Amino acid sequence: MYLPPHDPHVDDPMRFKPLFRIHLTERKSPTVECMYGHRGPHNGHIQIVKKDEFSTKCNQTDHHRMSGGRQEEFRTWLREEWGRTLEDIFHEHMQELILMKFIYTSQYDNCLTYRRIYLPPSHPDDLIRPGLFKGTYGSHGLEIVMLSFHGKHARATKITGDPNIPAGQQTVEIDLMHRIQLPNVENLCNFNELSRIVLEVHEQVRQEQQQQEDRTEDSEGARPPTEKVWEPGDQGAAALKEEPVQFVLPVGVTSRNEDYPRTCRMCFYGTGLIADHGFTSPERTPGVFILFDEDRFGFIWLELKSFSLYSRVQANFRNADAPSSQAFEEMLKNIQSLTS
C-alpha cells in the first residue's frame, strides 16, 4: 500500500506498507501471508476475481489485535497514519474525521478487493505531464489525485477519498479555454477582488454553455465552433516558458501548508466538487487552478475560502500505463461508478 506523506508535507515521498506476500517454493504449493498488524506474517488468501481484479482475505484476523485493545490500536494507527498523537490534534472536527477514518478502514481487516488503475496517457501539448499528485484537503489530510487532460479540459480524479468526496469522483475540473489573469500582489491579497474576477468568468462560461445549447438545438445537433480564448494545443512547453509572476494567497483563505510557492506560471478558471458527509448534496463550485511548475499546482476553493496544494508523486509504477486513451476513459468511468 502506498500512503501519502504525513499531513501537510506534500513534497515528502510516498510511504510504502506491505499488506500481503506470496511464497513460491519448488516443492510446495504457493502460500499467501497477510502482513497486516504488528504480530508478524500470518495465514492469508488471495482470489483472482476476474481480469484486472483480485481479492485478499486474512484467515487469522486475531493477529491484527493489540493487547491494549482498540484504544492502543487507534493510537498506533494514528502515529503511523498521521505522524502525531491525539493530544497534538486540537481541532474537534478533525478528531471526528480521523476517528471516522480509523473505524472505517479497520473494519475490513485487510479483506479487500483491488482493481487495476492506469496512469493517464501523455501528449506533447498537455499543460504539464499528467499523473498522480498528493494534495492537501483541510481536516481530511493528504489525498491522492490523478491529473489527466481531455482536450479543452483537465481533470483531477480522486484515487483516495474521504467521508465527503469518495475515491473515483472528479474533485477538480480545469477549463483550459478560460485563462485567468491574476491582479498584482497588492490586489491579490484582497479576497473580494479575486472572487470578483473568478465569478465574472464563471458567468461568462455559463452564458457560453447556454448559447451553445441553444445553437445545438437550432442546428439539430450540429456543434457550433467555440470562440478561441486559449487553445489547449498551444500550451504544452509554452506554459513552463512563461515568466513566473508573484503569487500570494488572499487574506482569509486557509491553507494546510504555508510553504506554498510564491510564484506561478498560469491560472485557469475551474470548478471543485464539494459535498456534505456521505457524498450528499454534491455540487460543483467555482475556483482558480494555479500552475506553479512541472510538479506542483494549486486550487483555490472560493466557497470554502480554502487552498489545496498538490505535488507530484515521484514513485515509478511499472506496467501502469494505459494501453489506449479509450481504456483510460473506461477506467475513469468504472471507478466513478463505484461511488456514484
Protein backbone atom coordinates (compact mmCIF):
# COMPACT_ATOMS: atom_id res chain seq x y z
CA MET A 1 0.00 0.00 0.00
CA TYR A 2 1.32 3.43 -0.96
CA LEU A 3 0.44 6.02 1.67
CA PRO A 4 0.78 9.78 1.27
CA PRO A 5 3.33 11.55 3.48
CA HIS A 6 2.19 12.97 6.80
CA ASP A 7 -0.08 16.00 6.53
CA PRO A 8 0.67 18.67 5.39
CA HIS A 9 4.07 17.81 3.86
CA VAL A 10 3.03 17.26 0.23
CA ASP A 11 6.59 17.36 -1.12
CA ASP A 12 7.75 14.43 1.02
CA PRO A 13 7.94 10.98 -0.65
CA MET A 14 5.16 8.42 -0.51
CA ARG A 15 5.29 5.78 2.23
CA PHE A 16 5.25 2.05 1.48
CA LYS A 17 3.50 -0.56 3.63
CA PRO A 18 3.38 -4.29 2.71
CA LEU A 19 -0.09 -5.84 3.07
CA PHE A 20 0.46 -9.43 1.94
CA ARG A 21 3.11 -11.62 0.33
CA ILE A 22 3.22 -14.82 -1.69
CA HIS A 23 5.79 -17.57 -1.04
CA LEU A 24 6.79 -19.56 -4.14
CA THR A 25 8.68 -22.80 -3.48
CA GLU A 26 9.78 -25.67 -5.72
CA ARG A 27 8.28 -28.47 -3.63
CA LYS A 28 5.17 -26.97 -2.09
CA SER A 29 2.24 -25.06 -3.48
CA PRO A 30 2.40 -21.28 -3.09
CA THR A 31 1.44 -19.88 0.31
CA VAL A 32 -0.10 -16.48 1.00
CA GLU A 33 0.71 -14.49 4.13
CA CYS A 34 -1.09 -11.44 5.48
CA MET A 35 1.32 -8.71 6.64
CA TYR A 36 -1.28 -6.53 8.36
CA GLY A 37 -0.92 -5.80 12.06
CA HIS A 38 2.11 -5.91 14.37
CA ARG A 39 2.44 -9.64 15.18
CA GLY A 40 4.27 -10.78 12.07
CA PRO A 41 3.16 -12.60 8.89
CA HIS A 42 0.21 -14.98 9.22
CA ASN A 43 -2.10 -17.06 7.06
CA GLY A 44 -3.97 -15.30 4.25
CA HIS A 45 -5.71 -15.97 0.95
CA ILE A 46 -5.78 -14.34 -2.49
CA GLN A 47 -8.53 -14.91 -5.04
CA ILE A 48 -8.48 -13.81 -8.67
CA VAL A 49 -11.99 -12.40 -9.19
CA LYS A 50 -11.71 -11.56 -12.89
CA LYS A 51 -9.35 -9.81 -15.27
CA ASP A 52 -7.66 -6.84 -13.56
CA GLU A 53 -9.33 -7.60 -10.24
CA PHE A 54 -8.40 -9.70 -7.20
CA SER A 55 -9.34 -10.00 -3.51
CA THR A 56 -7.32 -10.61 -0.35
CA LYS A 57 -8.57 -12.22 2.83
CA CYS A 58 -6.86 -12.65 6.19
CA ASN A 59 -7.55 -16.03 7.81
CA GLN A 60 -6.16 -15.02 11.22
CA THR A 61 -7.55 -11.58 12.00
CA ASP A 62 -6.70 -12.06 15.69
CA HIS A 63 -3.13 -11.20 14.62
CA HIS A 64 -4.38 -7.67 13.91
CA ARG A 65 -5.46 -7.11 17.51
CA MET A 66 -3.23 -5.49 20.14
CA SER A 67 -3.02 -6.31 23.84
CA GLY A 68 -4.14 -2.81 24.77
CA GLY A 69 -7.40 -3.19 22.86
CA ARG A 70 -8.94 -0.76 20.39
CA GLN A 71 -7.50 2.27 22.17
CA GLU A 72 -3.93 1.05 21.66
CA GLU A 73 -4.72 0.10 18.06
CA PHE A 74 -6.12 3.57 17.41
CA ARG A 75 -3.13 5.37 18.92
CA THR A 76 -0.70 3.17 16.96
CA TRP A 77 -2.64 3.75 13.74
CA LEU A 78 -2.75 7.49 14.41
CA ARG A 79 1.02 7.62 14.91
CA GLU A 80 1.69 5.64 11.73
CA GLU A 81 -1.00 7.22 9.53
CA TRP A 82 -0.78 10.84 10.67
CA GLY A 83 2.61 11.05 12.39
CA ARG A 84 1.11 12.53 15.54
CA THR A 85 -0.75 11.73 18.77
CA LEU A 86 -4.34 12.51 19.65
CA GLU A 87 -3.10 15.19 22.06
CA ASP A 88 -1.50 17.00 19.09
CA ILE A 89 -4.87 17.45 17.37
CA PHE A 90 -6.83 20.28 18.97
CA HIS A 91 -9.46 20.75 16.25
CA GLU A 92 -12.58 18.82 17.33
CA HIS A 93 -13.88 18.37 13.78
CA MET A 94 -10.52 16.93 12.69
CA GLN A 95 -10.59 14.49 15.63
CA GLU A 96 -14.01 13.28 14.49
CA LEU A 97 -12.84 12.80 10.89
CA ILE A 98 -9.73 10.88 11.97
CA LEU A 99 -11.72 8.60 14.28
CA MET A 100 -14.25 8.02 11.48
CA LYS A 101 -11.44 7.00 9.11
CA PHE A 102 -9.96 4.60 11.67
CA ILE A 103 -13.30 2.89 12.26
CA TYR A 104 -13.98 2.69 8.53
CA THR A 105 -10.60 1.28 7.48
CA SER A 106 -10.03 -1.09 10.41
CA GLN A 107 -13.34 -2.91 9.96
CA TYR A 108 -12.09 -4.59 6.78
CA ASP A 109 -9.15 -6.35 8.49
CA ASN A 110 -7.22 -6.49 5.19
CA CYS A 111 -10.11 -8.28 3.45
CA LEU A 112 -10.15 -6.10 0.36
CA THR A 113 -10.86 -6.11 -3.37
CA TYR A 114 -8.31 -4.50 -5.72
CA ARG A 115 -8.98 -3.16 -9.20
CA ARG A 116 -6.37 -2.03 -11.69
CA ILE A 117 -5.93 1.65 -12.42
CA TYR A 118 -4.00 3.09 -15.35
CA LEU A 119 -1.81 6.15 -15.43
CA PRO A 120 -3.18 8.76 -17.88
CA PRO A 121 -1.83 8.96 -21.44
CA SER A 122 0.60 11.81 -22.03
CA HIS A 123 0.64 14.15 -25.05
CA PRO A 124 3.19 16.83 -26.05
CA ASP A 125 0.55 19.58 -25.91
CA ASP A 126 -0.51 18.81 -22.31
CA LEU A 127 -0.15 21.74 -19.92
CA ILE A 128 2.18 19.61 -17.77
CA ARG A 129 2.88 15.89 -17.61
CA PRO A 130 -0.22 14.13 -16.25
CA GLY A 131 -0.02 11.62 -13.41
CA LEU A 132 -0.55 11.14 -9.68
CA PHE A 133 -0.36 14.02 -7.20
CA LYS A 134 -0.55 14.37 -3.41
CA GLY A 135 -2.95 17.12 -2.32
CA THR A 136 -3.99 18.86 0.89
CA TYR A 137 -7.68 18.56 1.80
CA GLY A 138 -8.11 20.52 5.01
CA SER A 139 -9.01 18.40 8.02
CA HIS A 140 -9.12 15.28 5.83
CA GLY A 141 -5.33 15.38 5.48
CA LEU A 142 -3.44 14.43 2.32
CA GLU A 143 -5.16 12.59 -0.52
CA ILE A 144 -4.02 11.22 -3.88
CA VAL A 145 -5.49 12.56 -7.13
CA MET A 146 -4.86 11.72 -10.78
CA LEU A 147 -4.41 14.66 -13.17
CA SER A 148 -5.42 13.93 -16.77
CA PHE A 149 -6.05 16.02 -19.88
CA HIS A 150 -9.13 15.81 -22.11
CA GLY A 151 -8.91 18.34 -24.92
CA LYS A 152 -10.21 21.66 -23.64
CA HIS A 153 -10.41 20.44 -20.05
CA ALA A 154 -8.17 18.87 -17.43
CA ARG A 155 -9.46 16.77 -14.55
CA ALA A 156 -8.19 15.75 -11.14
CA THR A 157 -9.82 12.47 -10.09
CA LYS A 158 -9.62 11.26 -6.51
CA ILE A 159 -7.72 7.99 -6.11
CA THR A 160 -8.15 8.13 -2.33
CA GLY A 161 -11.23 9.72 -0.80
CA ASP A 162 -12.82 10.96 2.41
CA PRO A 163 -16.28 10.97 4.07
CA ASN A 164 -17.36 13.95 1.93
CA ILE A 165 -15.97 13.13 -1.53
CA PRO A 166 -15.14 9.44 -2.09
CA ALA A 167 -12.45 7.97 -4.32
CA GLY A 168 -13.30 7.92 -8.02
CA GLN A 169 -15.00 11.32 -8.05
CA GLN A 170 -13.73 14.24 -10.11
CA THR A 171 -12.51 16.63 -7.41
CA VAL A 172 -11.36 19.46 -9.72
CA GLU A 173 -12.08 20.32 -13.36
CA ILE A 174 -9.95 22.92 -15.16
CA ASP A 175 -11.32 24.86 -18.13
CA LEU A 176 -8.27 25.34 -20.36
CA MET A 177 -10.22 27.69 -22.63
CA HIS A 178 -10.59 30.30 -19.88
CA ARG A 179 -7.35 31.59 -18.54
CA ILE A 180 -7.42 33.96 -15.55
CA GLN A 181 -5.10 36.93 -15.22
CA LEU A 182 -4.37 37.44 -11.56
CA PRO A 183 -4.20 41.00 -10.22
CA ASN A 184 -0.91 42.31 -8.85
CA VAL A 185 0.17 41.04 -5.44
CA GLU A 186 -1.25 44.02 -3.56
CA ASN A 187 -4.73 43.45 -5.02
CA LEU A 188 -4.41 39.67 -4.91
CA CYS A 189 -4.34 39.91 -1.11
CA ASN A 190 -7.94 41.11 -1.34
CA PHE A 191 -10.19 38.02 -1.50
CA ASN A 192 -13.14 40.05 -2.79
CA GLU A 193 -11.09 41.18 -5.79
CA LEU A 194 -10.10 37.62 -6.71
CA SER A 195 -13.67 36.46 -6.15
CA ARG A 196 -14.99 39.18 -8.48
CA ILE A 197 -12.61 38.14 -11.28
CA VAL A 198 -13.46 34.44 -10.98
CA LEU A 199 -17.21 34.95 -10.74
CA GLU A 200 -17.14 37.10 -13.89
CA VAL A 201 -15.51 34.22 -15.75
CA HIS A 202 -17.97 31.82 -14.11
CA GLU A 203 -20.89 33.84 -15.51
CA GLN A 204 -19.19 34.04 -18.92
CA VAL A 205 -18.79 30.25 -19.01
CA ARG A 206 -22.44 29.78 -18.01
CA GLN A 207 -23.62 32.07 -20.81
CA GLU A 208 -21.40 30.35 -23.39
CA GLN A 209 -22.74 26.96 -22.38
CA GLN A 210 -26.31 28.24 -22.66
CA GLN A 211 -25.64 29.76 -26.10
CA GLN A 212 -24.04 26.54 -27.27
CA GLU A 213 -27.06 24.52 -26.12
CA ASP A 214 -29.39 26.93 -27.92
CA ARG A 215 -27.35 26.75 -31.14
CA THR A 216 -27.20 22.97 -30.93
CA GLU A 217 -30.98 22.79 -30.68
CA ASP A 218 -31.37 25.22 -33.61
CA SER A 219 -28.98 23.29 -35.84
CA GLU A 220 -30.38 19.88 -34.88
CA GLY A 221 -27.31 18.57 -33.19
CA ALA A 222 -24.57 20.33 -35.18
CA ARG A 223 -21.83 21.55 -32.85
CA PRO A 224 -21.04 25.26 -33.31
CA PRO A 225 -17.43 26.47 -33.33
CA THR A 226 -16.22 27.72 -29.97
CA GLU A 227 -14.62 31.13 -29.66
CA LYS A 228 -10.88 30.71 -29.22
CA VAL A 229 -9.87 32.00 -25.81
CA TRP A 230 -6.92 29.73 -25.11
CA GLU A 231 -6.12 26.87 -27.43
CA PRO A 232 -5.00 23.76 -25.46
CA GLY A 233 -2.65 22.74 -28.27
CA ASP A 234 -0.68 25.95 -27.72
CA GLN A 235 0.09 25.32 -24.09
CA GLY A 236 2.44 22.31 -23.60
CA ALA A 237 6.01 23.53 -23.36
CA ALA A 238 4.92 27.18 -23.64
CA ALA A 239 3.34 27.04 -20.19
CA LEU A 240 6.64 26.49 -18.43
CA LYS A 241 8.46 29.03 -20.61
CA GLU A 242 6.24 31.85 -19.43
CA GLU A 243 7.78 34.30 -16.99
CA PRO A 244 6.67 33.47 -13.45
CA VAL A 245 4.61 36.09 -11.64
CA GLN A 246 4.40 36.72 -7.92
CA PHE A 247 1.72 34.81 -6.07
CA VAL A 248 0.27 35.09 -2.57
CA LEU A 249 -2.91 33.69 -1.07
CA PRO A 250 -5.65 36.25 -0.42
CA VAL A 251 -6.24 37.20 3.20
CA GLY A 252 -8.83 34.87 4.71
CA VAL A 253 -8.04 31.86 2.50
CA THR A 254 -6.89 28.97 4.70
CA SER A 255 -4.08 26.60 3.75
CA ARG A 256 -2.81 23.47 5.49
CA ASN A 257 0.64 24.17 4.10
CA GLU A 258 2.06 27.68 4.43
CA ASP A 259 5.13 26.63 2.46
CA TYR A 260 3.46 27.06 -0.93
CA PRO A 261 5.32 28.52 -3.96
CA ARG A 262 5.38 32.31 -4.15
CA THR A 263 5.47 32.45 -7.95
CA CYS A 264 3.18 30.85 -10.54
CA ARG A 265 3.15 30.35 -14.33
CA MET A 266 -0.51 30.30 -15.32
CA CYS A 267 -4.00 30.35 -13.82
CA PHE A 268 -7.25 28.97 -15.23
CA TYR A 269 -10.90 29.02 -14.24
CA GLY A 270 -12.04 25.75 -12.74
CA THR A 271 -14.68 24.10 -10.59
CA GLY A 272 -14.26 21.99 -7.47
CA LEU A 273 -16.60 19.30 -6.15
CA ILE A 274 -17.89 19.78 -2.60
CA ALA A 275 -20.47 17.74 -0.64
CA ASP A 276 -21.80 17.00 2.83
CA HIS A 277 -20.86 13.84 4.71
CA GLY A 278 -21.77 10.66 2.86
CA PHE A 279 -21.39 12.41 -0.51
CA THR A 280 -24.80 14.06 -0.06
CA SER A 281 -25.82 17.24 -1.88
CA PRO A 282 -22.73 17.32 -4.16
CA GLU A 283 -22.20 20.47 -6.23
CA ARG A 284 -19.51 21.99 -8.39
CA THR A 285 -18.35 25.41 -7.22
CA PRO A 286 -16.05 27.95 -8.95
CA GLY A 287 -12.35 28.29 -8.16
CA VAL A 288 -8.91 29.01 -9.54
CA PHE A 289 -6.38 26.47 -10.82
CA ILE A 290 -2.82 27.73 -10.30
CA LEU A 291 0.10 26.17 -12.16
CA PHE A 292 3.31 26.63 -10.16
CA ASP A 293 5.72 24.40 -12.09
CA GLU A 294 6.00 20.98 -13.75
CA ASP A 295 5.45 19.16 -10.45
CA ARG A 296 3.13 21.41 -8.42
CA PHE A 297 -0.23 23.09 -8.83
CA GLY A 298 -2.88 24.53 -6.54
CA PHE A 299 -6.61 25.20 -6.39
CA ILE A 300 -8.44 27.96 -4.52
CA TRP A 301 -11.95 26.90 -3.47
CA LEU A 302 -13.88 30.19 -3.44
CA GLU A 303 -16.91 28.98 -1.49
CA LEU A 304 -14.79 27.26 1.16
CA LYS A 305 -12.16 30.04 1.22
CA SER A 306 -9.63 27.23 1.19
CA PHE A 307 -6.46 26.39 -0.76
CA SER A 308 -5.24 22.94 -1.81
CA LEU A 309 -1.61 22.39 -2.79
CA TYR A 310 -0.72 19.41 -5.00
CA SER A 311 2.73 17.89 -5.51
CA ARG A 312 3.65 15.15 -7.98
CA VAL A 313 4.06 11.55 -6.79
CA GLN A 314 7.63 10.73 -7.83
CA ALA A 315 7.36 6.96 -7.33
CA ASN A 316 7.67 4.87 -10.51
CA PHE A 317 4.91 2.34 -11.15
CA ARG A 318 5.78 -0.39 -13.62
CA ASN A 319 3.30 -1.64 -16.23
CA ALA A 320 0.80 1.06 -15.21
CA ASP A 321 0.42 2.96 -18.49
CA ALA A 322 -2.96 2.77 -20.18
CA PRO A 323 -2.87 0.66 -23.37
CA SER A 324 -5.02 3.29 -25.11
CA SER A 325 -6.90 6.52 -24.44
CA GLN A 326 -10.15 4.58 -24.68
CA ALA A 327 -9.02 2.12 -21.99
CA PHE A 328 -8.12 5.02 -19.70
CA GLU A 329 -11.50 6.73 -20.20
CA GLU A 330 -13.28 3.45 -19.47
CA MET A 331 -11.27 3.05 -16.26
CA LEU A 332 -12.26 6.58 -15.13
CA LYS A 333 -15.94 5.79 -15.73
CA ASN A 334 -15.65 2.50 -13.85
CA ILE A 335 -14.03 3.92 -10.71
CA GLN A 336 -16.50 6.79 -10.66
CA SER A 337 -19.47 4.44 -10.96
CA LEU A 338 -18.32 2.57 -7.83
CA THR A 339 -19.14 5.59 -5.65
CA SER A 340 -21.82 7.45 -7.62
